[in-house]
Amino acid sequence: MNQLVTEEDQEEMHHQLLEQKAYHHLEIYDLVLLQEIYHLELLQVLLEELLQVPLEELLQVLLV
């Protein structure tokens, strides 16, 4: 059976392809956001640790 691809079929396939690309970009964006959240959590832990160090010790380290 030989079927011709209509213009409507082509538009539908194009729409589906664009939709797949959009979902792919959203998945990548989600991964990037998760990575940024992880980095912020690491930074928070480092800052909390840094706040435990007396200011005088910090200044000594920075001035060396």
Protein backbone atom coordinates (compact mmCIF):
# COMPACT_ATOMS: atom_id res chain seq x y z
CA MET A 1 0.00 0.00 0.00
CA ASN A 2 1.50 3.27 -1.12
CA GLN A 3 0.42 6.36 0.80
CA LEU A 4 1.34 9.91 0.07
CA VAL A 5 2.39 12.15 2.91
CA THR A 6 0.06 15.09 2.92
CA GLU A 7 1.02 18.61 3.88
CA GLU A 8 -1.10 18.15 6.99
CA ASP A 9 0.91 15.04 7.89
CA GLN A 10 4.16 16.95 7.39
CA GLU A 11 2.94 19.76 9.63
CA GLU A 12 1.93 17.25 12.30
CA MET A 13 5.34 15.53 12.13
CA HIS A 14 7.06 18.92 12.33
CA HIS A 15 4.92 19.84 15.35
CA GLN A 16 5.80 16.54 17.05
CA LEU A 17 9.50 17.09 16.39
CA LEU A 18 9.34 20.60 17.86
CA GLU A 19 7.51 19.21 20.88
CA GLN A 20 10.18 16.53 21.38
CA LYS A 21 12.91 19.16 21.15
CA ALA A 22 11.10 21.33 23.69
CA TYR A 23 10.84 18.44 26.16
CA HIS A 24 14.51 17.65 25.61
CA HIS A 25 15.47 21.26 26.36
CA LEU A 26 13.30 21.21 29.49
CA GLU A 27 15.02 18.03 30.68
CA ILE A 28 18.42 19.67 30.19
CA TYR A 29 17.21 22.81 31.97
CA ASP A 30 15.99 20.65 34.89
CA LEU A 31 19.41 19.01 35.15
CA VAL A 32 21.17 22.38 35.11
CA LEU A 33 18.85 23.66 37.84
CA LEU A 34 19.51 20.57 39.96
CA GLN A 35 23.24 21.14 39.54
CA GLU A 36 22.88 24.79 40.58
CA ILE A 37 20.84 23.78 43.64
CA TYR A 38 23.58 21.31 44.57
CA HIS A 39 26.23 24.04 44.22
CA LEU A 40 24.18 26.41 46.37
CA GLU A 41 23.78 23.75 49.03
CA LEU A 42 27.54 23.17 49.02
CA LEU A 43 28.12 26.89 49.32
CA GLN A 44 25.68 27.06 52.21
CA VAL A 45 27.54 24.29 54.05
CA LEU A 46 30.88 26.01 53.44
CA LEU A 47 29.54 29.33 54.68
CA GLU A 48 28.06 27.71 57.78
CA GLU A 49 31.44 26.13 58.50
CA LEU A 50 33.18 29.42 57.89
CA LEU A 51 30.88 31.16 60.37
CA GLN A 52 32.11 28.75 63.04
CA VAL A 53 35.67 30.05 62.70
CA PRO A 54 36.48 33.02 64.91
CA LEU A 55 37.03 36.25 63.01
CA GLU A 56 40.59 36.63 64.31
CA GLU A 57 41.58 33.25 62.84
CA LEU A 58 40.03 34.16 59.50
CA LEU A 59 41.93 37.43 59.40
CA GLN A 60 45.20 35.66 60.19
CA VAL A 61 44.67 33.25 57.32
CA LEU A 62 43.70 36.02 54.92
CA LEU A 63 46.63 38.23 55.85
CA VAL A 64 49.25 35.51 55.34
